[in-house]
Amino acid sequence: MFENNLVKKGLELETEDKKESENGKTYFVKIHAPWEILITYAEVLNIKMPIKENDIPCPVENPLDCIFSPFRLPEIVMHPEPDYFTAPFSKERQELYLIDDENTFFSPSVRNRIVFYILTRCPYGTEEGKRKFGIKRLLNNGTYSAAYPLHDCQYWKKSNDPKCENERYTLYREWARFPRFYKEQPLDLIRKYYGEKIGIYFAWLGFYTEMLFFAAVVGFICFLYGLFTMNENMSSKEICNPNIGGEIIMCPLCDQKCDYWRLNSTCESSQYSHLFDNVATLFFAIFMGIWVTLFLEFWKRRQARLEYEWDLVDFEEEQQQLQLRPEYEAKCTQKRKNPVTQVILFLSL
């Protein structure tokens, strides 16, 4: 019933025989969204698509950028496609958009988003007068084992198919390997392949790691200060001195089976504790307080820049308005358009 309803909605299904699976028991159902479905739901989801290439001049390069050239990636990796002016997609005005090829106009992340939107709202029966719908419920009751998007091509070798963009291979070769840990992240390519949410996550993770580098350098300097001044610490000298620490007898550490002990027995531990508890530690604590404030402010600036470059200024508000929870949407019996904002309201009476 569920798969029949998916076909009625316009999706194309292809079932792989269980003999081709590893255990010989699992069926794989491949789902493909044709062009008509993509443009229909792109308008429903208010997805922004390119209408014109950006003609704003690029900023002048900084002469000091050559210093960071070892950390840079090739331009084709950092910016896999030109920057565009975008607008919410309209099915009736397709001629305004830069549609060179219907197969590549929508990125894999947009295709996955549209198909998942349909899967979460497709009904498959009724129970006690209530509609049953959504792939999540079928996954919970064990009807399907898993639901996930397929990747294009292999990640360890380049595809021979000229139609395959090899984005997965490029990400693996230039980003998802340990030898590339010191390189900058290809955020535009990550966003194109995985979507905006994953792109924002890795942008934050990379920025957080960069900022931690400065904190690590200052912390290491404070550690070196404690290492070089370890033998000059007056507290450790007094504890290790047999005439001072050796004459001080300390109480037992426990009530039973513990004897009295002399203070100079903690000579080595007092010296080691000076590595992390010295005058520089106070400076490091003040520095971290300033670092946290700068981290938050610089991240707000970086986030605002990404929101502008990726057209995500009103992304969260649009998601809240357009993508209601399927469980709530199923209970809505009426729809009404707000005469002021022209936003469709779902009413549950």
C-alpha atoms as a PDB file:
ATOM      1  CA  MET A   1       0.000   0.000   0.000  1.00  0.00           C
ATOM      2  CA  PHE A   2       2.779   2.432   0.933  1.00  0.00           C
ATOM      3  CA  GLU A   3       4.745   1.804  -2.249  1.00  0.00           C
ATOM      4  CA  ASN A   4       1.601   2.038  -4.372  1.00  0.00           C
ATOM      5  CA  ASN A   5       0.843   5.443  -2.873  1.00  0.00           C
ATOM      6  CA  LEU A   6       4.390   6.570  -3.620  1.00  0.00           C
ATOM      7  CA  VAL A   7       3.874   5.629  -7.258  1.00  0.00           C
ATOM      8  CA  LYS A   8       0.568   7.526  -7.283  1.00  0.00           C
ATOM      9  CA  LYS A   9       2.395  10.611  -6.030  1.00  0.00           C
ATOM     10  CA  GLY A  10       4.700  10.400  -9.052  1.00  0.00           C
ATOM     11  CA  LEU A  11       7.803   8.705  -7.672  1.00  0.00           C
ATOM     12  CA  GLU A  12       9.497   5.923  -9.608  1.00  0.00           C
ATOM     13  CA  LEU A  13      10.330   2.708  -7.716  1.00  0.00           C
ATOM     14  CA  GLU A  14      12.790  -0.031  -8.617  1.00  0.00           C
ATOM     15  CA  THR A  15      12.961  -3.216  -6.521  1.00  0.00           C
ATOM     16  CA  GLU A  16      16.195  -5.188  -6.386  1.00  0.00           C
ATOM     17  CA  ASP A  17      15.906  -8.951  -6.039  1.00  0.00           C
ATOM     18  CA  LYS A  18      16.890 -10.332  -2.641  1.00  0.00           C
ATOM     19  CA  LYS A  19      19.403 -12.661  -4.297  1.00  0.00           C
ATOM     20  CA  GLU A  20      21.619  -9.650  -5.026  1.00  0.00           C
ATOM     21  CA  SER A  21      21.882  -8.710  -1.334  1.00  0.00           C
ATOM     22  CA  GLU A  22      24.698  -9.962   0.899  1.00  0.00           C
ATOM     23  CA  ASN A  23      22.459 -12.096   3.128  1.00  0.00           C
ATOM     24  CA  GLY A  24      20.145 -13.178   0.314  1.00  0.00           C
ATOM     25  CA  LYS A  25      17.076 -12.092   2.303  1.00  0.00           C
ATOM     26  CA  THR A  26      16.908  -8.311   1.954  1.00  0.00           C
ATOM     27  CA  TYR A  27      15.009  -6.470  -0.751  1.00  0.00           C
ATOM     28  CA  PHE A  28      16.200  -3.018  -1.798  1.00  0.00           C
ATOM     29  CA  VAL A  29      13.664  -0.508  -3.118  1.00  0.00           C
ATOM     30  CA  LYS A  30      15.239   2.363  -5.042  1.00  0.00           C
ATOM     31  CA  ILE A  31      13.237   5.587  -5.283  1.00  0.00           C
ATOM     32  CA  HIS A  32      13.721   8.115  -8.056  1.00  0.00           C
ATOM     33  CA  ALA A  33      12.050  11.527  -8.313  1.00  0.00           C
ATOM     34  CA  PRO A  34      11.353  12.597 -11.922  1.00  0.00           C
ATOM     35  CA  TRP A  35      11.565  16.187 -13.103  1.00  0.00           C
ATOM     36  CA  GLU A  36       7.876  17.006 -12.613  1.00  0.00           C
ATOM     37  CA  ILE A  37       7.967  15.896  -8.987  1.00  0.00           C
ATOM     38  CA  LEU A  38      11.142  17.868  -8.319  1.00  0.00           C
ATOM     39  CA  ILE A  39       9.824  21.156  -9.681  1.00  0.00           C
ATOM     40  CA  THR A  40       6.448  20.676  -7.970  1.00  0.00           C
ATOM     41  CA  TYR A  41       7.863  20.132  -4.501  1.00  0.00           C
ATOM     42  CA  ALA A  42      10.658  22.654  -5.009  1.00  0.00           C
ATOM     43  CA  GLU A  43       7.895  25.240  -5.226  1.00  0.00           C
ATOM     44  CA  VAL A  44       6.059  23.756  -2.233  1.00  0.00           C
ATOM     45  CA  LEU A  45       9.206  23.816  -0.095  1.00  0.00           C
ATOM     46  CA  ASN A  46      10.143  27.286  -1.341  1.00  0.00           C
ATOM     47  CA  ILE A  47      13.621  26.129  -2.359  1.00  0.00           C
ATOM     48  CA  LYS A  48      15.847  28.892  -3.704  1.00  0.00           C
ATOM     49  CA  MET A  49      17.394  28.208  -7.103  1.00  0.00           C
ATOM     50  CA  PRO A  50      19.812  30.254  -9.278  1.00  0.00           C
ATOM     51  CA  ILE A  51      18.426  32.864 -11.659  1.00  0.00           C
ATOM     52  CA  LYS A  52      21.573  34.802 -12.582  1.00  0.00           C
ATOM     53  CA  GLU A  53      25.297  34.537 -12.061  1.00  0.00           C
ATOM     54  CA  ASN A  54      26.678  36.907  -9.463  1.00  0.00           C
ATOM     55  CA  ASP A  55      28.331  39.880 -11.180  1.00  0.00           C
ATOM     56  CA  ILE A  56      29.527  41.642  -8.013  1.00  0.00           C
ATOM     57  CA  PRO A  57      33.324  42.127  -8.211  1.00  0.00           C
ATOM     58  CA  CYS A  58      35.344  39.895  -5.942  1.00  0.00           C
ATOM     59  CA  PRO A  59      37.319  41.576  -3.142  1.00  0.00           C
ATOM     60  CA  VAL A  60      40.961  42.383  -3.816  1.00  0.00           C
ATOM     61  CA  GLU A  61      43.290  39.627  -2.664  1.00  0.00           C
ATOM     62  CA  ASN A  62      45.400  40.282   0.394  1.00  0.00           C
ATOM     63  CA  PRO A  63      49.165  40.220  -0.332  1.00  0.00           C
ATOM     64  CA  LEU A  64      49.629  38.169   2.838  1.00  0.00           C
ATOM     65  CA  ASP A  65      47.462  35.348   1.469  1.00  0.00           C
ATOM     66  CA  CYS A  66      50.567  33.732  -0.011  1.00  0.00           C
ATOM     67  CA  ILE A  67      51.640  32.875   3.542  1.00  0.00           C
ATOM     68  CA  PHE A  68      48.604  30.626   3.915  1.00  0.00           C
ATOM     69  CA  SER A  69      48.907  29.021   0.477  1.00  0.00           C
ATOM     70  CA  PRO A  70      50.084  25.657   1.942  1.00  0.00           C
ATOM     71  CA  PHE A  71      46.756  25.450   3.777  1.00  0.00           C
ATOM     72  CA  ARG A  72      44.643  26.298   0.728  1.00  0.00           C
ATOM     73  CA  LEU A  73      42.801  23.877  -1.530  1.00  0.00           C
ATOM     74  CA  PRO A  74      42.474  24.246  -5.315  1.00  0.00           C
ATOM     75  CA  GLU A  75      39.914  26.810  -6.412  1.00  0.00           C
ATOM     76  CA  ILE A  76      37.832  24.177  -8.234  1.00  0.00           C
ATOM     77  CA  VAL A  77      37.466  22.315  -4.922  1.00  0.00           C
ATOM     78  CA  MET A  78      36.739  25.351  -2.763  1.00  0.00           C
ATOM     79  CA  HIS A  79      34.242  26.822  -5.223  1.00  0.00           C
ATOM     80  CA  PRO A  80      32.904  23.989  -7.410  1.00  0.00           C
ATOM     81  CA  GLU A  81      30.384  26.274  -9.115  1.00  0.00           C
ATOM     82  CA  PRO A  82      29.960  30.036  -9.623  1.00  0.00           C
ATOM     83  CA  ASP A  83      28.048  32.175  -7.174  1.00  0.00           C
ATOM     84  CA  TYR A  84      24.481  32.956  -8.225  1.00  0.00           C
ATOM     85  CA  PHE A  85      21.638  35.249  -7.363  1.00  0.00           C
ATOM     86  CA  THR A  86      18.767  33.018  -6.279  1.00  0.00           C
ATOM     87  CA  ALA A  87      15.010  33.175  -5.849  1.00  0.00           C
ATOM     88  CA  PRO A  88      12.328  30.777  -4.556  1.00  0.00           C
ATOM     89  CA  PHE A  89      11.498  28.306  -7.306  1.00  0.00           C
ATOM     90  CA  SER A  90       8.279  28.820  -9.261  1.00  0.00           C
ATOM     91  CA  LYS A  91       6.960  26.105 -11.538  1.00  0.00           C
ATOM     92  CA  GLU A  92       5.191  28.615 -13.777  1.00  0.00           C
ATOM     93  CA  ARG A  93       8.343  30.692 -14.351  1.00  0.00           C
ATOM     94  CA  GLN A  94      10.907  28.070 -15.210  1.00  0.00           C
ATOM     95  CA  GLU A  95      12.333  30.230 -17.988  1.00  0.00           C
ATOM     96  CA  LEU A  96      13.755  32.623 -15.378  1.00  0.00           C
ATOM     97  CA  TYR A  97      16.034  29.985 -13.867  1.00  0.00           C
ATOM     98  CA  LEU A  98      19.373  28.754 -15.171  1.00  0.00           C
ATOM     99  CA  ILE A  99      18.216  25.277 -16.204  1.00  0.00           C
ATOM    100  CA  ASP A 100      20.962  23.927 -18.453  1.00  0.00           C
ATOM    101  CA  ASP A 101      20.387  20.270 -17.626  1.00  0.00           C
ATOM    102  CA  GLU A 102      17.370  18.846 -15.812  1.00  0.00           C
ATOM    103  CA  ASN A 103      19.487  16.012 -14.401  1.00  0.00           C
ATOM    104  CA  THR A 104      21.924  18.341 -12.625  1.00  0.00           C
ATOM    105  CA  PHE A 105      19.790  21.415 -11.916  1.00  0.00           C
ATOM    106  CA  PHE A 106      18.819  20.118  -8.470  1.00  0.00           C
ATOM    107  CA  SER A 107      21.739  19.075  -6.276  1.00  0.00           C
ATOM    108  CA  PRO A 108      21.750  15.641  -4.563  1.00  0.00           C
ATOM    109  CA  SER A 109      20.948  17.244  -1.205  1.00  0.00           C
ATOM    110  CA  VAL A 110      17.864  18.989  -2.653  1.00  0.00           C
ATOM    111  CA  ARG A 111      16.689  15.763  -4.303  1.00  0.00           C
ATOM    112  CA  ASN A 112      17.073  13.878  -1.026  1.00  0.00           C
ATOM    113  CA  ARG A 113      15.198  16.594   0.826  1.00  0.00           C
ATOM    114  CA  ILE A 114      12.257  16.453  -1.589  1.00  0.00           C
ATOM    115  CA  VAL A 115      12.031  12.652  -1.549  1.00  0.00           C
ATOM    116  CA  PHE A 116      12.235  12.546   2.240  1.00  0.00           C
ATOM    117  CA  TYR A 117       9.476  15.161   2.448  1.00  0.00           C
ATOM    118  CA  ILE A 118       7.226  12.880   0.386  1.00  0.00           C
ATOM    119  CA  LEU A 119       8.181   9.752   2.338  1.00  0.00           C
ATOM    120  CA  THR A 120       7.305  11.300   5.699  1.00  0.00           C
ATOM    121  CA  ARG A 121       3.820  12.303   4.502  1.00  0.00           C
ATOM    122  CA  CYS A 122       2.756   9.391   2.326  1.00  0.00           C
ATOM    123  CA  PRO A 123      -0.203   7.435   3.851  1.00  0.00           C
ATOM    124  CA  TYR A 124      -0.427   3.653   3.827  1.00  0.00           C
ATOM    125  CA  GLY A 125      -3.629   2.779   5.702  1.00  0.00           C
ATOM    126  CA  THR A 126      -5.955   3.551   8.587  1.00  0.00           C
ATOM    127  CA  GLU A 127      -6.121   2.346  12.177  1.00  0.00           C
ATOM    128  CA  GLU A 128      -9.118   3.040  14.438  1.00  0.00           C
ATOM    129  CA  GLY A 129     -10.291   5.730  12.064  1.00  0.00           C
ATOM    130  CA  LYS A 130      -6.893   7.469  12.005  1.00  0.00           C
ATOM    131  CA  ARG A 131      -4.605   7.641   9.015  1.00  0.00           C
ATOM    132  CA  LYS A 132      -1.279   5.871   9.198  1.00  0.00           C
ATOM    133  CA  PHE A 133       1.488   7.521   7.229  1.00  0.00           C
ATOM    134  CA  GLY A 134       5.206   8.187   7.023  1.00  0.00           C
ATOM    135  CA  ILE A 135       8.367   6.170   6.560  1.00  0.00           C
ATOM    136  CA  LYS A 136       9.403   6.778  10.180  1.00  0.00           C
ATOM    137  CA  ARG A 137       6.469   4.770  11.491  1.00  0.00           C
ATOM    138  CA  LEU A 138       7.227   1.931   9.088  1.00  0.00           C
ATOM    139  CA  LEU A 139      10.829   1.906  10.288  1.00  0.00           C
ATOM    140  CA  ASN A 140       9.731   1.780  13.922  1.00  0.00           C
ATOM    141  CA  ASN A 141       7.402  -1.187  13.407  1.00  0.00           C
ATOM    142  CA  GLY A 142      10.011  -3.101  11.398  1.00  0.00           C
ATOM    143  CA  THR A 143       8.330  -3.000   7.995  1.00  0.00           C
ATOM    144  CA  TYR A 144      11.530  -1.545   6.541  1.00  0.00           C
ATOM    145  CA  SER A 145      14.986  -2.078   7.990  1.00  0.00           C
ATOM    146  CA  ALA A 146      16.408   1.301   6.985  1.00  0.00           C
ATOM    147  CA  ALA A 147      15.868   4.291   4.710  1.00  0.00           C
ATOM    148  CA  TYR A 148      18.813   6.312   3.446  1.00  0.00           C
ATOM    149  CA  PRO A 149      19.946   8.258   0.354  1.00  0.00           C
ATOM    150  CA  LEU A 150      22.357   6.629  -2.057  1.00  0.00           C
ATOM    151  CA  HIS A 151      25.751   8.142  -2.816  1.00  0.00           C
ATOM    152  CA  ASP A 152      26.912   8.875  -6.332  1.00  0.00           C
ATOM    153  CA  CYS A 153      29.921   6.870  -7.543  1.00  0.00           C
ATOM    154  CA  GLN A 154      32.620   5.284  -5.380  1.00  0.00           C
ATOM    155  CA  TYR A 155      34.530   7.356  -2.851  1.00  0.00           C
ATOM    156  CA  TRP A 156      37.937   5.704  -3.374  1.00  0.00           C
ATOM    157  CA  LYS A 157      38.152   5.956  -7.169  1.00  0.00           C
ATOM    158  CA  LYS A 158      37.009   8.361  -9.832  1.00  0.00           C
ATOM    159  CA  SER A 159      34.061   7.317 -11.954  1.00  0.00           C
ATOM    160  CA  ASN A 160      34.496   6.718 -15.667  1.00  0.00           C
ATOM    161  CA  ASP A 161      30.975   7.989 -16.299  1.00  0.00           C
ATOM    162  CA  PRO A 162      31.226  11.573 -17.635  1.00  0.00           C
ATOM    163  CA  LYS A 163      27.772  12.349 -16.184  1.00  0.00           C
ATOM    164  CA  CYS A 164      28.958  11.605 -12.644  1.00  0.00           C
ATOM    165  CA  GLU A 165      30.351  14.723 -10.948  1.00  0.00           C
ATOM    166  CA  ASN A 166      32.546  12.661  -8.577  1.00  0.00           C
ATOM    167  CA  GLU A 167      31.810  14.990  -5.664  1.00  0.00           C
ATOM    168  CA  ARG A 168      32.068  12.140  -3.187  1.00  0.00           C
ATOM    169  CA  TYR A 169      35.482  11.164  -4.549  1.00  0.00           C
ATOM    170  CA  THR A 170      36.661  14.784  -4.406  1.00  0.00           C
ATOM    171  CA  LEU A 171      35.534  15.147  -0.793  1.00  0.00           C
ATOM    172  CA  TYR A 172      37.361  11.974   0.187  1.00  0.00           C
ATOM    173  CA  ARG A 173      40.556  12.921  -1.639  1.00  0.00           C
ATOM    174  CA  GLU A 174      40.726  16.559  -0.533  1.00  0.00           C
ATOM    175  CA  TRP A 175      38.922  16.576   2.824  1.00  0.00           C
ATOM    176  CA  ALA A 176      37.977  13.313   4.574  1.00  0.00           C
ATOM    177  CA  ARG A 177      41.517  11.973   5.044  1.00  0.00           C
ATOM    178  CA  PHE A 178      43.999  12.430   7.874  1.00  0.00           C
ATOM    179  CA  PRO A 179      46.836  13.784   5.647  1.00  0.00           C
ATOM    180  CA  ARG A 180      44.517  16.715   4.850  1.00  0.00           C
ATOM    181  CA  PHE A 181      43.894  17.718   8.461  1.00  0.00           C
ATOM    182  CA  TYR A 182      45.801  20.998   8.070  1.00  0.00           C
ATOM    183  CA  LYS A 183      43.907  22.082   4.942  1.00  0.00           C
ATOM    184  CA  GLU A 184      40.901  24.376   4.926  1.00  0.00           C
ATOM    185  CA  GLN A 185      37.501  22.775   4.479  1.00  0.00           C
ATOM    186  CA  PRO A 186      35.687  22.875   1.101  1.00  0.00           C
ATOM    187  CA  LEU A 187      32.502  24.188   2.687  1.00  0.00           C
ATOM    188  CA  ASP A 188      30.777  24.996  -0.605  1.00  0.00           C
ATOM    189  CA  LEU A 189      31.303  21.443  -1.838  1.00  0.00           C
ATOM    190  CA  ILE A 190      30.156  20.004   1.504  1.00  0.00           C
ATOM    191  CA  ARG A 191      27.040  22.143   1.348  1.00  0.00           C
ATOM    192  CA  LYS A 192      26.351  21.130  -2.245  1.00  0.00           C
ATOM    193  CA  TYR A 193      26.669  17.408  -1.523  1.00  0.00           C
ATOM    194  CA  TYR A 194      25.259  17.094   2.016  1.00  0.00           C
ATOM    195  CA  GLY A 195      23.038  20.163   2.335  1.00  0.00           C
ATOM    196  CA  GLU A 196      23.026  23.391   4.306  1.00  0.00           C
ATOM    197  CA  LYS A 197      22.617  21.895   7.783  1.00  0.00           C
ATOM    198  CA  ILE A 198      25.619  19.586   7.448  1.00  0.00           C
ATOM    199  CA  GLY A 199      27.608  22.405   5.851  1.00  0.00           C
ATOM    200  CA  ILE A 200      26.884  24.748   8.773  1.00  0.00           C
ATOM    201  CA  TYR A 201      27.883  22.026  11.244  1.00  0.00           C
ATOM    202  CA  PHE A 202      31.296  21.470   9.659  1.00  0.00           C
ATOM    203  CA  ALA A 203      31.772  25.229   9.309  1.00  0.00           C
ATOM    204  CA  TRP A 204      31.248  25.580  13.060  1.00  0.00           C
ATOM    205  CA  LEU A 205      33.477  22.586  13.819  1.00  0.00           C
ATOM    206  CA  GLY A 206      36.295  23.955  11.664  1.00  0.00           C
ATOM    207  CA  PHE A 207      35.998  27.443  13.156  1.00  0.00           C
ATOM    208  CA  TYR A 208      35.984  26.004  16.687  1.00  0.00           C
ATOM    209  CA  THR A 209      39.128  23.993  15.938  1.00  0.00           C
ATOM    210  CA  GLU A 210      40.874  27.051  14.502  1.00  0.00           C
ATOM    211  CA  MET A 211      40.076  29.110  17.584  1.00  0.00           C
ATOM    212  CA  LEU A 212      41.225  26.299  19.867  1.00  0.00           C
ATOM    213  CA  PHE A 213      44.645  26.486  18.212  1.00  0.00           C
ATOM    214  CA  PHE A 214      45.286  29.913  19.774  1.00  0.00           C
ATOM    215  CA  ALA A 215      44.115  28.680  23.181  1.00  0.00           C
ATOM    216  CA  ALA A 216      46.380  25.635  22.842  1.00  0.00           C
ATOM    217  CA  VAL A 217      49.408  27.814  22.019  1.00  0.00           C
ATOM    218  CA  VAL A 218      48.865  30.036  25.063  1.00  0.00           C
ATOM    219  CA  GLY A 219      48.251  26.988  27.264  1.00  0.00           C
ATOM    220  CA  PHE A 220      51.452  25.360  26.014  1.00  0.00           C
ATOM    221  CA  ILE A 221      53.425  28.528  26.791  1.00  0.00           C
ATOM    222  CA  CYS A 222      52.011  28.517  30.321  1.00  0.00           C
ATOM    223  CA  PHE A 223      53.025  24.864  30.646  1.00  0.00           C
ATOM    224  CA  LEU A 224      56.575  25.669  29.515  1.00  0.00           C
ATOM    225  CA  TYR A 225      56.727  28.480  32.073  1.00  0.00           C
ATOM    226  CA  GLY A 226      55.845  26.003  34.805  1.00  0.00           C
ATOM    227  CA  LEU A 227      58.427  23.535  33.476  1.00  0.00           C
ATOM    228  CA  PHE A 228      61.281  26.064  33.419  1.00  0.00           C
ATOM    229  CA  THR A 229      60.433  27.502  36.856  1.00  0.00           C
ATOM    230  CA  MET A 230      59.782  24.154  38.529  1.00  0.00           C
ATOM    231  CA  ASN A 231      63.114  24.167  40.376  1.00  0.00           C
ATOM    232  CA  GLU A 232      62.642  27.775  41.468  1.00  0.00           C
ATOM    233  CA  ASN A 233      59.256  27.283  43.106  1.00  0.00           C
ATOM    234  CA  MET A 234      59.530  28.340  46.738  1.00  0.00           C
ATOM    235  CA  SER A 235      56.711  26.073  47.939  1.00  0.00           C
ATOM    236  CA  SER A 236      58.338  23.001  46.402  1.00  0.00           C
ATOM    237  CA  LYS A 237      61.722  23.975  47.828  1.00  0.00           C
ATOM    238  CA  GLU A 238      60.318  24.218  51.346  1.00  0.00           C
ATOM    239  CA  ILE A 239      58.469  20.906  51.011  1.00  0.00           C
ATOM    240  CA  CYS A 240      61.553  19.123  49.651  1.00  0.00           C
ATOM    241  CA  ASN A 241      63.916  20.673  52.217  1.00  0.00           C
ATOM    242  CA  PRO A 242      64.672  18.022  54.889  1.00  0.00           C
ATOM    243  CA  ASN A 243      65.052  20.761  57.498  1.00  0.00           C
ATOM    244  CA  ILE A 244      61.581  22.161  56.765  1.00  0.00           C
ATOM    245  CA  GLY A 245      59.316  19.637  55.064  1.00  0.00           C
ATOM    246  CA  GLY A 246      61.227  16.753  56.616  1.00  0.00           C
ATOM    247  CA  GLU A 247      60.472  18.027  60.112  1.00  0.00           C
ATOM    248  CA  ILE A 248      56.737  18.465  59.554  1.00  0.00           C
ATOM    249  CA  ILE A 249      54.742  15.367  60.457  1.00  0.00           C
ATOM    250  CA  MET A 250      51.319  15.042  58.837  1.00  0.00           C
ATOM    251  CA  CYS A 251      48.249  13.255  60.168  1.00  0.00           C
ATOM    252  CA  PRO A 252      47.293   9.816  58.773  1.00  0.00           C
ATOM    253  CA  LEU A 253      45.295   9.827  55.552  1.00  0.00           C
ATOM    254  CA  CYS A 254      42.789   7.275  56.873  1.00  0.00           C
ATOM    255  CA  ASP A 255      41.395   6.169  60.231  1.00  0.00           C
ATOM    256  CA  GLN A 256      42.804   2.645  60.159  1.00  0.00           C
ATOM    257  CA  LYS A 257      46.032   1.088  58.864  1.00  0.00           C
ATOM    258  CA  CYS A 258      47.479   4.488  57.971  1.00  0.00           C
ATOM    259  CA  ASP A 259      50.578   5.831  59.672  1.00  0.00           C
ATOM    260  CA  TYR A 260      51.877   9.336  60.169  1.00  0.00           C
ATOM    261  CA  TRP A 261      53.940  10.689  57.292  1.00  0.00           C
ATOM    262  CA  ARG A 262      56.387  13.506  56.656  1.00  0.00           C
ATOM    263  CA  LEU A 263      55.600  16.403  54.348  1.00  0.00           C
ATOM    264  CA  ASN A 264      58.758  15.996  52.252  1.00  0.00           C
ATOM    265  CA  SER A 265      57.439  12.627  50.984  1.00  0.00           C
ATOM    266  CA  THR A 266      55.266  14.658  48.578  1.00  0.00           C
ATOM    267  CA  CYS A 267      58.288  16.425  47.093  1.00  0.00           C
ATOM    268  CA  GLU A 268      57.918  15.061  43.550  1.00  0.00           C
ATOM    269  CA  SER A 269      54.151  15.541  43.378  1.00  0.00           C
ATOM    270  CA  SER A 270      54.499  19.169  44.522  1.00  0.00           C
ATOM    271  CA  GLN A 271      57.026  19.794  41.757  1.00  0.00           C
ATOM    272  CA  TYR A 272      54.789  18.200  39.121  1.00  0.00           C
ATOM    273  CA  SER A 273      51.743  20.135  40.312  1.00  0.00           C
ATOM    274  CA  HIS A 274      53.681  23.334  39.681  1.00  0.00           C
ATOM    275  CA  LEU A 275      53.558  22.547  35.957  1.00  0.00           C
ATOM    276  CA  PHE A 276      49.817  23.242  35.914  1.00  0.00           C
ATOM    277  CA  ASP A 277      49.400  25.429  38.992  1.00  0.00           C
ATOM    278  CA  ASN A 278      51.663  28.447  38.768  1.00  0.00           C
ATOM    279  CA  VAL A 279      51.502  32.198  38.195  1.00  0.00           C
ATOM    280  CA  ALA A 280      50.906  31.703  34.467  1.00  0.00           C
ATOM    281  CA  THR A 281      47.745  29.715  35.250  1.00  0.00           C
ATOM    282  CA  LEU A 282      46.088  32.916  36.447  1.00  0.00           C
ATOM    283  CA  PHE A 283      46.974  34.606  33.172  1.00  0.00           C
ATOM    284  CA  PHE A 284      45.633  31.611  31.231  1.00  0.00           C
ATOM    285  CA  ALA A 285      42.318  31.768  33.117  1.00  0.00           C
ATOM    286  CA  ILE A 286      41.926  35.459  32.214  1.00  0.00           C
ATOM    287  CA  PHE A 287      42.902  34.707  28.626  1.00  0.00           C
ATOM    288  CA  MET A 288      40.264  31.953  28.327  1.00  0.00           C
ATOM    289  CA  GLY A 289      37.583  34.322  29.585  1.00  0.00           C
ATOM    290  CA  ILE A 290      38.483  36.760  26.804  1.00  0.00           C
ATOM    291  CA  TRP A 291      38.842  33.885  24.307  1.00  0.00           C
ATOM    292  CA  VAL A 292      35.286  32.668  24.907  1.00  0.00           C
ATOM    293  CA  THR A 293      33.867  36.135  24.255  1.00  0.00           C
ATOM    294  CA  LEU A 294      35.889  36.571  21.069  1.00  0.00           C
ATOM    295  CA  PHE A 295      34.944  33.078  19.907  1.00  0.00           C
ATOM    296  CA  LEU A 296      31.221  33.810  20.176  1.00  0.00           C
ATOM    297  CA  GLU A 297      31.477  37.208  18.483  1.00  0.00           C
ATOM    298  CA  PHE A 298      33.679  35.992  15.629  1.00  0.00           C
ATOM    299  CA  TRP A 299      31.424  32.981  15.083  1.00  0.00           C
ATOM    300  CA  LYS A 300      28.375  35.266  14.818  1.00  0.00           C
ATOM    301  CA  ARG A 301      30.244  37.181  12.134  1.00  0.00           C
ATOM    302  CA  ARG A 302      31.235  33.987  10.314  1.00  0.00           C
ATOM    303  CA  GLN A 303      27.704  32.610  10.560  1.00  0.00           C
ATOM    304  CA  ALA A 304      26.200  35.813   9.165  1.00  0.00           C
ATOM    305  CA  ARG A 305      28.611  35.650   6.244  1.00  0.00           C
ATOM    306  CA  LEU A 306      27.664  32.040   5.463  1.00  0.00           C
ATOM    307  CA  GLU A 307      23.967  32.863   5.742  1.00  0.00           C
ATOM    308  CA  TYR A 308      24.424  35.610   3.163  1.00  0.00           C
ATOM    309  CA  GLU A 309      26.561  33.536   0.797  1.00  0.00           C
ATOM    310  CA  TRP A 310      24.294  30.466   1.033  1.00  0.00           C
ATOM    311  CA  ASP A 311      20.960  32.361   1.059  1.00  0.00           C
ATOM    312  CA  LEU A 312      20.076  31.159   4.546  1.00  0.00           C
ATOM    313  CA  VAL A 313      19.062  34.469   6.111  1.00  0.00           C
ATOM    314  CA  ASP A 314      15.446  33.362   6.677  1.00  0.00           C
ATOM    315  CA  PHE A 315      16.125  29.635   6.462  1.00  0.00           C
ATOM    316  CA  GLU A 316      14.944  28.672   9.966  1.00  0.00           C
ATOM    317  CA  GLU A 317      11.733  30.706   9.734  1.00  0.00           C
ATOM    318  CA  GLU A 318      10.923  29.232   6.328  1.00  0.00           C
ATOM    319  CA  GLN A 319      11.489  25.717   7.626  1.00  0.00           C
ATOM    320  CA  GLN A 320       9.154  26.295  10.552  1.00  0.00           C
ATOM    321  CA  GLN A 321       6.433  27.681   8.295  1.00  0.00           C
ATOM    322  CA  LEU A 322       6.708  25.230   5.401  1.00  0.00           C
ATOM    323  CA  GLN A 323       7.732  21.970   7.029  1.00  0.00           C
ATOM    324  CA  LEU A 324       5.217  21.254   9.743  1.00  0.00           C
ATOM    325  CA  ARG A 325       5.475  18.003  11.608  1.00  0.00           C
ATOM    326  CA  PRO A 326       3.632  15.328   9.599  1.00  0.00           C
ATOM    327  CA  GLU A 327       1.810  14.165  12.751  1.00  0.00           C
ATOM    328  CA  TYR A 328       0.355  17.633  13.292  1.00  0.00           C
ATOM    329  CA  GLU A 329      -0.325  18.238   9.613  1.00  0.00           C
ATOM    330  CA  ALA A 330      -2.417  15.039   9.442  1.00  0.00           C
ATOM    331  CA  LYS A 331      -4.737  16.363  12.171  1.00  0.00           C
ATOM    332  CA  CYS A 332      -5.380  19.625  10.329  1.00  0.00           C
ATOM    333  CA  THR A 333      -8.776  19.660   8.660  1.00  0.00           C
ATOM    334  CA  GLN A 334      -8.765  23.182   7.228  1.00  0.00           C
ATOM    335  CA  LYS A 335      -6.336  25.530   5.532  1.00  0.00           C
ATOM    336  CA  ARG A 336      -6.608  29.303   5.570  1.00  0.00           C
ATOM    337  CA  LYS A 337      -4.419  31.954   3.963  1.00  0.00           C
ATOM    338  CA  ASN A 338      -3.437  34.948   6.044  1.00  0.00           C
ATOM    339  CA  PRO A 339      -4.644  38.003   4.065  1.00  0.00           C
ATOM    340  CA  VAL A 340      -1.731  40.114   5.310  1.00  0.00           C
ATOM    341  CA  THR A 341       1.291  37.806   5.107  1.00  0.00           C
ATOM    342  CA  GLN A 342      -0.150  35.437   2.456  1.00  0.00           C
ATOM    343  CA  VAL A 343       1.059  32.517   4.589  1.00  0.00           C
ATOM    344  CA  ILE A 344      -1.084  29.369   4.579  1.00  0.00           C
ATOM    345  CA  LEU A 345      -2.243  28.452   8.086  1.00  0.00           C
ATOM    346  CA  PHE A 346      -3.188  24.895   9.061  1.00  0.00           C
ATOM    347  CA  LEU A 347      -6.139  24.672  11.444  1.00  0.00           C
ATOM    348  CA  SER A 348      -7.059  21.705  13.618  1.00  0.00           C
ATOM    349  CA  LEU A 349     -10.682  21.931  14.751  1.00  0.00           C
END
